[in-house]
């Protein structure tokens, strides 16, 4: 028997933020969909997410609330886990916190290892620092005197610091990126890293601070705390017990197959992070994928702007699957997407209620009406079967290719072509007319079987995006065994028993009165 393939996917760990919004949800859902897809394909998956809890901005935020930093981040960690698991249905394997003792101890070892190798040295730093992004800048990096990422002011910093010899790895980084065209995705991010940062030349990186205390201390010089980005980036291997007594997880899953990050922090993950790994003598991740932002009316979401959308409210009204579907369908991976209540409700009504929900309701309803809920074994084909089968199998094949590349928007478009084709099939065959004419029970049964089998296939391939909906479809089709729910089974037409029994259930996606709903949302 062939050894089971592994797949390790990570998100960028979320900084301790009590205002996680629908934009933050986009990344974690992206990773969850990929992890679920790989599991459905038979991979041994490890899915890591978590929280970045150290740094000056966290220390200041806790002080503003007159509580200890640890108390501050503990409350946010609980709320973040609740959002991910209970609200969005995220099925992660590891939730790491940078305040975990195991993580902190390993970060200290990594820092000491690099110091002993001569890749970290002590000097003085004088420059500019953006606290919200925990990032050092020089004057020429700024955008009209402000942080180019968050458009907020920077503060002058002068202190004794340790530096990492980032410049030493410039040529190796360029060579690696040029020799591994899939390392940075999409291609536009690769060009940005090469042309804007690497080829102009790298400076050594300040990797310790002395002007605040909330961080991992340098073990051999405790007046210094380790730069939060070094602390945060190493979580991807500390979570796998790197440098631990038993590093079996590290040996099994590293290097990561996909490290999923927002486009604003691609630089940290494709320059600083691989340089640290090179210095440690460890392999680099196979791919760093930089996704775009989910905006509102073309503007990035943010508390300071006042355009934050709470995913808890949306899931409470429409369900997690509807929100997950919207995020994956509406945003093309690598590009920015736009969120509006109108777009969300439009997708729910058109794609989920009219297309998928209506297909299920009509199919099960007709089997109950014409055959008392159970199809007869004797069936005959119609003139439209071959077209439906070809559309379905092609959709699954194309969707698989798009899923492999995390192009979930295109994958869902393929699947919904099949959903719409199945609805059109009903109009072509006209089961009600076959029933009315009489004597065509075998053709009627055959057409309804084709629809039930289409629904089985659709349920299997939408599972990574909409983990709750397949169960509702399987329940109404009375499919209990796992063998008819696999990705591989979706590549074959005709696996459902010919004498299938169905039982009508609740409407999976009720249609929404858009005018009334928008009025209610405006009042929230």
Protein backbone atom coordinates (compact mmCIF):
# COMPACT_ATOMS: atom_id res chain seq x y z
CA UNK A 1 0.00 0.00 0.00
CA UNK A 2 1.32 3.43 -0.95
CA UNK A 3 2.14 5.75 1.95
CA UNK A 4 -0.51 8.40 2.58
CA UNK A 5 0.52 11.80 1.29
CA UNK A 6 0.78 14.64 3.79
CA UNK A 7 -0.38 18.23 3.37
CA UNK A 8 0.57 21.05 5.73
CA UNK A 9 -1.25 24.36 5.36
CA UNK A 10 -0.94 27.44 7.56
CA UNK A 11 -2.55 30.83 7.84
CA UNK A 12 -0.63 33.85 8.99
CA UNK A 13 -1.39 33.86 12.70
CA UNK A 14 -3.80 36.61 13.64
CA UNK A 15 -2.54 39.46 15.80
CA UNK A 16 -4.41 39.85 19.08
CA UNK A 17 -7.37 41.88 17.89
CA UNK A 18 -10.78 42.08 19.51
CA UNK A 19 -12.34 43.36 16.28
CA UNK A 20 -11.93 40.49 13.82
CA UNK A 21 -14.23 41.21 10.88
CA UNK A 22 -15.41 39.50 7.70
CA UNK A 23 -12.16 40.47 5.98
CA UNK A 24 -10.16 38.47 8.52
CA UNK A 25 -12.61 35.59 8.05
CA UNK A 26 -11.76 35.38 4.36
CA UNK A 27 -8.25 34.00 4.97
CA UNK A 28 -9.22 31.40 7.56
CA UNK A 29 -12.07 30.14 5.35
CA UNK A 30 -9.67 29.92 2.38
CA UNK A 31 -7.33 27.72 4.38
CA UNK A 32 -10.17 25.63 5.79
CA UNK A 33 -11.58 24.96 2.32
CA UNK A 34 -8.17 23.81 1.07
CA UNK A 35 -7.63 21.61 4.12
CA UNK A 36 -11.06 20.01 3.77
CA UNK A 37 -10.51 19.47 0.05
CA UNK A 38 -7.20 17.72 0.64
CA UNK A 39 -8.74 15.54 3.34
CA UNK A 40 -11.52 14.62 0.92
CA UNK A 41 -8.83 13.63 -1.58
CA UNK A 42 -7.26 11.29 0.98
CA UNK A 43 -4.35 13.38 2.27
CA UNK A 44 -3.06 13.36 5.84
CA UNK A 45 -3.66 17.05 6.54
CA UNK A 46 -2.26 19.30 9.24
CA UNK A 47 -3.92 22.73 9.37
CA UNK A 48 -2.34 25.42 11.56
CA UNK A 49 -3.70 28.77 12.61
CA UNK A 50 -3.39 30.84 15.76
CA UNK A 51 -2.63 34.18 17.37
CA UNK A 52 0.34 36.54 17.41
CA UNK A 53 0.12 37.93 20.95
CA UNK A 54 3.33 39.85 21.62
CA UNK A 55 4.55 43.31 20.69
CA UNK A 56 4.32 46.95 21.58
CA UNK A 57 0.81 47.47 20.23
CA UNK A 58 -0.55 44.67 22.43
CA UNK A 59 1.29 46.05 25.46
CA UNK A 60 -0.22 49.50 24.85
CA UNK A 61 -3.72 48.14 24.19
CA UNK A 62 -3.65 46.20 27.48
CA UNK A 63 -2.40 49.27 29.35
CA UNK A 64 -5.25 51.32 27.89
CA UNK A 65 -7.69 48.84 29.46
CA UNK A 66 -5.67 48.77 32.70
CA UNK A 67 -5.14 45.00 32.55
CA UNK A 68 -2.11 42.75 32.19
CA UNK A 69 -1.14 41.85 28.62
CA UNK A 70 -1.67 38.15 29.28
CA UNK A 71 -5.21 38.77 30.53
CA UNK A 72 -5.85 40.93 27.47
CA UNK A 73 -4.73 38.28 24.96
CA UNK A 74 -6.42 35.40 26.82
CA UNK A 75 -9.83 36.99 26.32
CA UNK A 76 -9.15 37.64 22.63
CA UNK A 77 -7.91 34.08 22.08
CA UNK A 78 -11.16 32.68 23.48
CA UNK A 79 -13.22 34.98 21.25
CA UNK A 80 -11.13 34.13 18.18
CA UNK A 81 -11.53 30.39 18.70
CA UNK A 82 -15.28 30.87 19.14
CA UNK A 83 -15.46 32.83 15.88
CA UNK A 84 -13.47 30.27 13.96
CA UNK A 85 -15.05 27.08 15.30
CA UNK A 86 -18.59 27.88 16.42
CA UNK A 87 -19.38 30.60 13.89
CA UNK A 88 -17.40 29.86 10.70
CA UNK A 89 -17.02 26.09 11.10
CA UNK A 90 -13.23 26.08 10.81
CA UNK A 91 -11.74 22.63 11.36
CA UNK A 92 -8.13 23.47 12.26
CA UNK A 93 -5.73 20.92 13.76
CA UNK A 94 -3.48 23.26 15.74
CA UNK A 95 -4.24 26.68 17.23
CA UNK A 96 -0.93 28.14 18.34
CA UNK A 97 -0.49 31.15 20.60
CA UNK A 98 2.85 32.91 20.74
CA UNK A 99 2.45 33.12 24.53
CA UNK A 100 2.55 29.31 24.72
CA UNK A 101 5.54 28.28 26.82
CA UNK A 102 6.66 25.67 24.30
CA UNK A 103 6.69 28.27 21.54
CA UNK A 104 8.56 30.84 23.60
CA UNK A 105 11.22 28.36 24.65
CA UNK A 106 11.82 27.31 21.05
CA UNK A 107 12.02 30.93 19.87
CA UNK A 108 14.76 31.51 22.46
CA UNK A 109 16.67 28.46 21.14
CA UNK A 110 16.33 29.66 17.55
CA UNK A 111 17.61 33.13 18.44
CA UNK A 112 20.59 31.66 20.34
CA UNK A 113 21.37 29.27 17.48
CA UNK A 114 21.50 32.14 14.98
CA UNK A 115 23.59 34.23 17.38
CA UNK A 116 26.09 31.41 17.89
CA UNK A 117 26.38 31.00 14.10
CA UNK A 118 27.18 34.69 13.71
CA UNK A 119 23.97 35.47 11.82
CA UNK A 120 22.77 37.70 14.68
CA UNK A 121 24.99 40.48 16.06
CA UNK A 122 24.55 43.44 18.43
CA UNK A 123 24.56 47.08 17.31
CA UNK A 124 22.47 50.26 17.61
CA UNK A 125 19.28 51.02 15.74
CA UNK A 126 17.95 54.42 14.84
CA UNK A 127 14.99 54.76 12.52
CA UNK A 128 11.23 54.76 12.26
CA UNK A 129 8.73 52.21 13.56
CA UNK A 130 5.06 51.53 12.80
CA UNK A 131 3.48 50.11 15.94
CA UNK A 132 0.24 48.75 14.37
CA UNK A 133 2.27 46.75 11.80
CA UNK A 134 5.25 46.18 14.13
CA UNK A 135 7.52 47.17 11.24
CA UNK A 136 10.75 49.14 10.88
CA UNK A 137 11.00 51.70 8.09
CA UNK A 138 13.44 54.19 6.65
CA UNK A 139 12.32 57.55 5.28
CA UNK A 140 12.30 56.35 1.67
CA UNK A 141 9.99 53.43 2.61
CA UNK A 142 7.25 55.76 3.84
CA UNK A 143 4.22 56.94 1.92
CA UNK A 144 3.83 60.70 2.44
CA UNK A 145 5.52 60.28 5.80
CA UNK A 146 3.26 57.43 6.92
CA UNK A 147 3.31 53.65 7.04
CA UNK A 148 2.76 52.40 3.47
CA UNK A 149 0.61 49.51 4.72
CA UNK A 150 -1.79 51.06 7.23
CA UNK A 151 -1.42 54.79 6.41
CA UNK A 152 -0.80 55.66 10.04
CA UNK A 153 2.02 57.63 11.62
CA UNK A 154 5.39 56.13 12.52
CA UNK A 155 7.50 56.82 15.61
CA UNK A 156 11.24 57.51 15.82
CA UNK A 157 13.17 54.76 17.59
CA UNK A 158 16.72 54.78 18.89
CA UNK A 159 17.93 51.84 20.94
CA UNK A 160 20.52 49.11 21.32
CA UNK A 161 19.43 46.12 19.26
CA UNK A 162 20.42 42.80 17.83
CA UNK A 163 20.47 42.49 14.04
CA UNK A 164 19.95 39.53 11.73
CA UNK A 165 22.25 39.39 8.68
CA UNK A 166 19.39 39.50 6.22
CA UNK A 167 21.60 41.02 3.51
CA UNK A 168 23.74 37.86 3.59
CA UNK A 169 20.87 35.85 2.11
CA UNK A 170 19.81 38.28 -0.62
CA UNK A 171 21.38 36.43 -3.55
CA UNK A 172 20.23 33.01 -2.30
CA UNK A 173 16.67 34.32 -1.97
CA UNK A 174 16.68 35.72 -5.50
CA UNK A 175 18.06 32.45 -6.84
CA UNK A 176 15.46 30.40 -4.96
CA UNK A 177 12.55 32.51 -6.19
CA UNK A 178 13.78 32.48 -9.80
CA UNK A 179 14.36 28.71 -9.72
CA UNK A 180 11.03 27.94 -8.03
CA UNK A 181 8.32 29.87 -9.92
CA UNK A 182 5.55 28.45 -7.72
CA UNK A 183 7.20 29.55 -4.47
CA UNK A 184 5.37 32.90 -4.42
CA UNK A 185 1.81 33.03 -5.73
CA UNK A 186 0.30 34.81 -7.49
CA UNK A 187 2.95 35.87 -10.00
CA UNK A 188 2.36 39.56 -9.30
CA UNK A 189 3.55 39.10 -5.70
CA UNK A 190 6.72 37.41 -6.93
CA UNK A 191 7.55 40.32 -9.20
CA UNK A 192 6.87 42.75 -6.37
CA UNK A 193 9.29 41.00 -4.01
CA UNK A 194 12.05 40.74 -6.60
CA UNK A 195 11.79 44.22 -8.07
CA UNK A 196 10.81 46.28 -5.02
CA UNK A 197 12.84 44.64 -2.27
CA UNK A 198 15.40 42.02 -3.24
CA UNK A 199 17.11 43.42 -6.32
CA UNK A 200 17.41 46.97 -4.91
CA UNK A 201 19.28 45.40 -1.97
CA UNK A 202 18.44 44.18 1.52
CA UNK A 203 19.58 45.74 4.78
CA UNK A 204 20.21 43.75 7.93
CA UNK A 205 17.12 43.41 10.09
CA UNK A 206 16.71 44.72 13.63
CA UNK A 207 15.49 41.69 15.62
CA UNK A 208 15.28 42.89 19.22
CA UNK A 209 13.75 45.75 21.21
CA UNK A 210 14.49 47.28 24.61
CA UNK A 211 11.83 50.01 24.83
CA UNK A 212 9.04 47.65 25.90
CA UNK A 213 8.85 44.29 27.68
CA UNK A 214 5.88 42.33 26.27
CA UNK A 215 7.67 39.73 24.20
CA UNK A 216 10.02 36.77 24.31
CA UNK A 217 13.22 37.84 26.11
CA UNK A 218 16.63 37.17 24.62
CA UNK A 219 17.85 34.43 26.94
CA UNK A 220 21.45 35.61 27.15
CA UNK A 221 20.55 39.34 27.26
CA UNK A 222 17.17 39.70 29.03
CA UNK A 223 16.99 43.47 28.61
CA UNK A 224 16.08 42.70 24.98
CA UNK A 225 12.86 41.14 23.71
CA UNK A 226 12.85 39.36 20.37
CA UNK A 227 11.32 41.29 17.46
CA UNK A 228 7.70 40.27 17.17
CA UNK A 229 7.98 39.23 13.52
CA UNK A 230 10.78 36.77 14.29
CA UNK A 231 8.69 35.49 17.19
CA UNK A 232 5.56 35.21 15.02
CA UNK A 233 7.12 33.74 11.87
CA UNK A 234 8.77 30.85 13.68
CA UNK A 235 5.37 29.59 14.90
CA UNK A 236 5.04 27.53 11.73
CA UNK A 237 7.79 25.20 12.93
CA UNK A 238 7.50 25.57 16.70
CA UNK A 239 3.94 24.25 16.32
CA UNK A 240 5.48 21.06 14.93
CA UNK A 241 7.87 20.72 17.92
CA UNK A 242 10.92 21.93 16.02
CA UNK A 243 14.02 21.57 18.27
CA UNK A 244 11.85 19.63 20.72
CA UNK A 245 12.63 16.31 22.34
CA UNK A 246 10.31 14.60 19.87
CA UNK A 247 10.16 16.34 16.49
CA UNK A 248 8.19 13.63 14.68
CA UNK A 249 5.58 16.18 13.54
CA UNK A 250 8.26 18.44 12.13
CA UNK A 251 9.88 15.59 10.27
CA UNK A 252 6.53 14.46 8.90
CA UNK A 253 4.92 17.72 7.80
CA UNK A 254 7.68 20.28 7.16
CA UNK A 255 8.20 21.91 4.73
CA UNK A 256 4.73 23.41 4.53
CA UNK A 257 2.87 22.85 1.29
CA UNK A 258 1.04 26.19 1.43
CA UNK A 259 1.53 29.19 3.71
CA UNK A 260 -1.46 31.45 3.20
CA UNK A 261 -0.97 35.16 3.97
CA UNK A 262 -2.49 38.53 3.18
CA UNK A 263 -0.83 40.49 0.38
CA UNK A 264 0.34 43.12 2.88
CA UNK A 265 2.64 40.67 4.70
CA UNK A 266 3.99 38.70 1.74
CA UNK A 267 7.34 40.49 2.22
CA UNK A 268 7.80 39.09 5.72
CA UNK A 269 6.92 35.57 4.59
CA UNK A 270 8.95 35.47 1.38
CA UNK A 271 12.06 37.39 2.44
CA UNK A 272 12.54 37.40 6.22
CA UNK A 273 11.03 33.97 6.90
CA UNK A 274 12.94 32.02 4.22
CA UNK A 275 16.15 33.85 5.15
CA UNK A 276 15.72 32.71 8.76
CA UNK A 277 15.16 29.15 7.55
CA UNK A 278 18.24 29.33 5.34
CA UNK A 279 20.27 30.51 8.32
CA UNK A 280 18.95 27.58 10.37
CA UNK A 281 19.74 25.14 7.57
CA UNK A 282 16.09 24.12 7.22
CA UNK A 283 14.03 23.65 4.04
CA UNK A 284 11.80 26.47 2.81
CA UNK A 285 8.03 26.16 2.47
CA UNK A 286 6.93 24.92 -0.93
CA UNK A 287 4.64 27.87 -1.52
CA UNK A 288 3.65 31.19 0.01
CA UNK A 289 0.30 32.32 -1.37
CA UNK A 290 -0.67 35.96 -0.97
CA UNK A 291 -4.39 36.64 -1.13
CA UNK A 292 -6.08 39.97 -1.70
CA UNK A 293 -8.31 41.95 0.64
CA UNK A 294 -12.06 41.88 1.04
CA UNK A 295 -13.06 45.51 0.74
CA UNK A 296 -16.24 47.51 1.20
CA UNK A 297 -16.97 49.88 -1.67
CA UNK A 298 -13.35 49.58 -2.72
CA UNK A 299 -11.96 50.47 0.71
CA UNK A 300 -10.07 48.18 3.06
CA UNK A 301 -12.09 47.28 6.13
CA UNK A 302 -10.93 48.72 9.43
CA UNK A 303 -12.20 49.89 12.79
CA UNK A 304 -10.70 53.33 12.27
CA UNK A 305 -12.61 53.71 8.99
CA UNK A 306 -15.84 52.50 10.57
CA UNK A 307 -16.76 49.99 7.87
CA UNK A 308 -16.24 46.73 9.79
CA UNK A 309 -18.69 43.90 9.03
CA UNK A 310 -19.20 41.40 11.87
CA UNK A 311 -19.25 37.80 10.58
CA UNK A 312 -21.18 36.71 13.67
CA UNK A 313 -24.14 38.82 12.60
CA UNK A 314 -24.06 37.46 9.06
CA UNK A 315 -23.76 33.82 10.10
CA UNK A 316 -26.53 34.31 12.63
CA UNK A 317 -28.86 35.48 9.86
CA UNK A 318 -27.83 33.31 6.90
CA UNK A 319 -25.80 30.38 8.24
CA UNK A 320 -22.09 29.63 7.97
CA UNK A 321 -22.35 27.82 4.64
CA UNK A 322 -23.92 30.79 2.89
CA UNK A 323 -21.20 33.14 4.14
CA UNK A 324 -18.42 30.70 3.26
CA UNK A 325 -19.92 30.24 -0.22
CA UNK A 326 -20.12 33.98 -0.79
CA UNK A 327 -16.50 34.55 0.28
CA UNK A 328 -15.15 31.78 -1.93
CA UNK A 329 -17.40 32.52 -4.93
CA UNK A 330 -17.22 36.29 -4.93
CA UNK A 331 -13.45 36.76 -4.57
CA UNK A 332 -10.97 35.48 -7.15
CA UNK A 333 -7.90 34.23 -5.31
CA UNK A 334 -5.02 36.70 -5.45
CA UNK A 335 -7.29 39.63 -6.24
CA UNK A 336 -9.21 42.01 -4.00
CA UNK A 337 -12.90 41.38 -3.54
CA UNK A 338 -15.77 43.63 -2.60
CA UNK A 339 -18.41 43.02 0.06
CA UNK A 340 -21.87 44.53 0.08
CA UNK A 341 -25.05 43.30 1.71
CA UNK A 342 -26.73 43.47 -1.70
CA UNK A 343 -24.10 41.21 -3.26
CA UNK A 344 -24.34 38.71 -0.40
CA UNK A 345 -28.13 38.44 -0.50
CA UNK A 346 -28.04 38.31 -4.29
CA UNK A 347 -25.71 35.31 -4.20
CA UNK A 348 -27.84 33.56 -1.57
CA UNK A 349 -31.04 34.08 -3.54
CA UNK A 350 -29.69 33.31 -7.00
CA UNK A 351 -27.14 30.56 -6.40
CA UNK A 352 -28.24 28.90 -3.19
CA UNK A 353 -32.01 29.34 -3.01
CA UNK A 354 -33.00 29.45 -6.71
CA UNK A 355 -30.37 27.12 -8.15
CA UNK A 356 -29.27 24.55 -5.57
CA UNK A 357 -32.14 24.69 -3.09
CA UNK A 358 -34.76 24.62 -5.83
CA UNK A 359 -33.07 21.68 -7.56
CA UNK A 360 -33.15 19.62 -4.37
CA UNK A 361 -36.70 20.60 -3.48
CA UNK A 362 -38.07 19.91 -6.97
CA UNK A 363 -36.29 16.58 -7.32
CA UNK A 364 -37.30 15.14 -3.97
CA UNK A 365 -40.79 16.58 -4.29
CA UNK A 366 -41.37 14.90 -7.66
CA UNK A 367 -40.08 11.51 -6.45
CA UNK A 368 -42.51 11.72 -3.55
CA UNK A 369 -45.39 12.90 -5.70
CA UNK A 370 -45.00 10.46 -8.59
CA UNK A 371 -43.52 7.40 -6.84
CA UNK A 372 -44.39 7.74 -3.18
CA UNK A 373 -40.80 8.57 -2.27
CA UNK A 374 -39.08 5.54 -3.82
CA UNK A 375 -37.95 5.22 -7.43
CA UNK A 376 -38.75 1.95 -9.20
CA UNK A 377 -35.78 -0.15 -10.27
CA UNK A 378 -37.05 -0.27 -13.87
CA UNK A 379 -35.86 2.91 -15.58
CA UNK A 380 -35.33 4.19 -19.10
CA UNK A 381 -33.06 6.96 -20.43
CA UNK A 382 -34.13 10.29 -21.91
CA UNK A 383 -32.68 12.19 -24.85
CA UNK A 384 -31.03 14.69 -22.49
CA UNK A 385 -29.14 12.30 -20.16
CA UNK A 386 -25.83 12.31 -22.03
CA UNK A 387 -25.63 16.10 -22.00
CA UNK A 388 -26.30 16.22 -18.24
CA UNK A 389 -23.73 13.50 -17.53
CA UNK A 390 -21.06 15.18 -19.66
CA UNK A 391 -21.68 18.54 -18.00
CA UNK A 392 -21.45 16.99 -14.53
CA UNK A 393 -18.29 14.98 -15.07
CA UNK A 394 -16.59 17.88 -16.85
CA UNK A 395 -17.53 20.20 -13.99
CA UNK A 396 -15.98 17.87 -11.42
CA UNK A 397 -12.80 17.47 -13.46
CA UNK A 398 -12.41 21.21 -13.99
CA UNK A 399 -13.31 22.01 -10.37
CA UNK A 400 -10.59 19.63 -9.20
CA UNK A 401 -7.98 21.51 -11.20
CA UNK A 402 -9.13 24.82 -9.75
CA UNK A 403 -9.29 23.48 -6.20
CA UNK A 404 -5.68 22.32 -6.51
CA UNK A 405 -4.69 25.92 -7.29
CA UNK A 406 -6.95 27.44 -4.60
CA UNK A 407 -8.99 29.10 -7.34
CA UNK A 408 -12.21 28.35 -5.50
CA UNK A 409 -14.22 31.01 -7.28
CA UNK A 410 -13.60 29.32 -10.62
CA UNK A 411 -14.22 25.88 -9.12
CA UNK A 412 -17.60 26.95 -7.80
CA UNK A 413 -18.47 28.49 -11.14
CA UNK A 414 -17.86 25.10 -12.77
CA UNK A 415 -20.02 23.33 -10.17
CA UNK A 416 -22.83 25.84 -10.55
CA UNK A 417 -22.79 25.34 -14.32
CA UNK A 418 -23.72 21.76 -13.47
CA UNK A 419 -26.38 22.87 -10.97
CA UNK A 420 -27.98 25.12 -13.57
CA UNK A 421 -27.72 22.39 -16.21
CA UNK A 422 -29.62 20.03 -13.91
CA UNK A 423 -32.36 22.61 -13.47
CA UNK A 424 -32.52 23.05 -17.23
CA UNK A 425 -32.76 19.25 -17.56
CA UNK A 426 -36.01 19.37 -15.58
CA UNK A 427 -37.46 21.86 -18.02
CA UNK A 428 -36.30 19.76 -20.99
CA UNK A 429 -37.65 16.43 -19.73
CA UNK A 430 -40.81 17.90 -18.15
CA UNK A 431 -41.49 15.09 -15.64
CA UNK A 432 -44.96 16.47 -14.97
CA UNK A 433 -45.82 15.96 -18.63
CA UNK A 434 -44.49 12.39 -18.59
CA UNK A 435 -46.65 11.66 -15.57
CA UNK A 436 -49.70 13.26 -17.13
CA UNK A 437 -49.35 11.27 -20.36
CA UNK A 438 -49.13 7.96 -18.50
CA UNK A 439 -47.38 4.79 -19.64
CA UNK A 440 -43.95 6.43 -19.38
CA UNK A 441 -43.17 5.58 -15.76
CA UNK A 442 -39.80 4.06 -16.68
CA UNK A 443 -38.67 7.25 -18.48
CA UNK A 444 -40.04 9.40 -15.64
CA UNK A 445 -38.18 7.28 -13.09
CA UNK A 446 -34.99 7.47 -15.16
CA UNK A 447 -35.12 11.25 -15.36
CA UNK A 448 -35.66 11.64 -11.60
CA UNK A 449 -32.81 9.22 -10.95
CA UNK A 450 -30.55 11.39 -13.09
CA UNK A 451 -31.46 14.39 -10.96
CA UNK A 452 -30.94 12.56 -7.68
CA UNK A 453 -27.56 11.30 -8.86
CA UNK A 454 -26.61 14.84 -9.95
CA UNK A 455 -27.42 16.09 -6.46
CA UNK A 456 -25.25 13.38 -4.91
CA UNK A 457 -22.28 14.46 -7.02
CA UNK A 458 -22.88 18.15 -6.31
CA UNK A 459 -23.06 17.48 -2.57
CA UNK A 460 -19.70 15.70 -2.63
CA UNK A 461 -17.79 18.46 -4.40
CA UNK A 462 -19.26 21.45 -2.52
CA UNK A 463 -18.36 19.91 0.85
CA UNK A 464 -15.02 21.71 1.31
CA UNK A 465 -16.71 25.10 0.85
CA UNK A 466 -20.07 24.29 2.47
CA UNK A 467 -19.44 21.57 5.08
CA UNK A 468 -23.01 21.50 6.46
CA UNK A 469 -25.02 21.51 3.23
CA UNK A 470 -24.01 18.06 1.91
CA UNK A 471 -25.45 16.41 5.02
CA UNK A 472 -28.81 18.03 4.34
CA UNK A 473 -28.74 16.81 0.74
CA UNK A 474 -27.62 13.31 1.71
CA UNK A 475 -30.35 13.14 4.32
CA UNK A 476 -33.09 13.90 1.79
CA UNK A 477 -31.56 11.41 -0.66
CA UNK A 478 -31.18 8.83 2.13
CA UNK A 479 -27.47 8.35 1.43
CA UNK A 480 -25.85 6.93 4.54
CA UNK A 481 -22.67 5.18 3.44
CA UNK A 482 -19.44 7.15 3.06
CA UNK A 483 -18.58 5.41 -0.20
CA UNK A 484 -21.05 7.61 -2.08
CA UNK A 485 -19.73 10.84 -0.50
CA UNK A 486 -16.09 10.77 -1.59
CA UNK A 487 -14.45 12.99 -4.17
CA UNK A 488 -13.60 9.98 -6.30
CA UNK A 489 -17.24 8.84 -6.27
CA UNK A 490 -18.20 12.24 -7.70
CA UNK A 491 -16.25 11.34 -10.85
CA UNK A 492 -18.69 8.56 -11.69
CA UNK A 493 -22.33 8.79 -12.72
CA UNK A 494 -24.73 5.99 -11.76
CA UNK A 495 -23.52 4.94 -8.30
CA UNK A 496 -26.77 5.77 -6.49
CA UNK A 497 -29.05 2.75 -6.12
CA UNK A 498 -31.66 2.69 -8.90
CA UNK A 499 -34.47 2.12 -6.41
CA UNK A 500 -33.36 5.08 -4.28
CA UNK A 501 -35.71 6.29 -1.56
CA UNK A 502 -36.00 9.99 -0.73
CA UNK A 503 -37.63 11.96 2.05
CA UNK A 504 -38.31 15.66 1.79
CA UNK A 505 -36.79 17.84 4.49
CA UNK A 506 -36.51 21.52 5.33
CA UNK A 507 -35.68 24.03 2.62
CA UNK A 508 -31.89 24.25 2.67
CA UNK A 509 -31.68 27.91 1.61
CA UNK A 510 -34.90 29.91 1.98
CA UNK A 511 -35.28 32.85 -0.38
CA UNK A 512 -34.74 36.26 1.22
CA UNK A 513 -36.89 39.34 0.75
CA UNK A 514 -34.02 41.61 -0.27
CA UNK A 515 -35.77 44.94 0.34
CA UNK A 516 -36.92 43.97 3.81
CA UNK A 517 -33.58 42.40 4.66
CA UNK A 518 -31.55 45.45 3.64
CA UNK A 519 -33.78 47.65 5.78
CA UNK A 520 -33.22 45.39 8.77
CA UNK A 521 -29.47 45.25 8.21
CA UNK A 522 -29.33 49.04 8.02
CA UNK A 523 -30.78 49.17 11.52
CA UNK A 524 -28.17 46.86 13.08
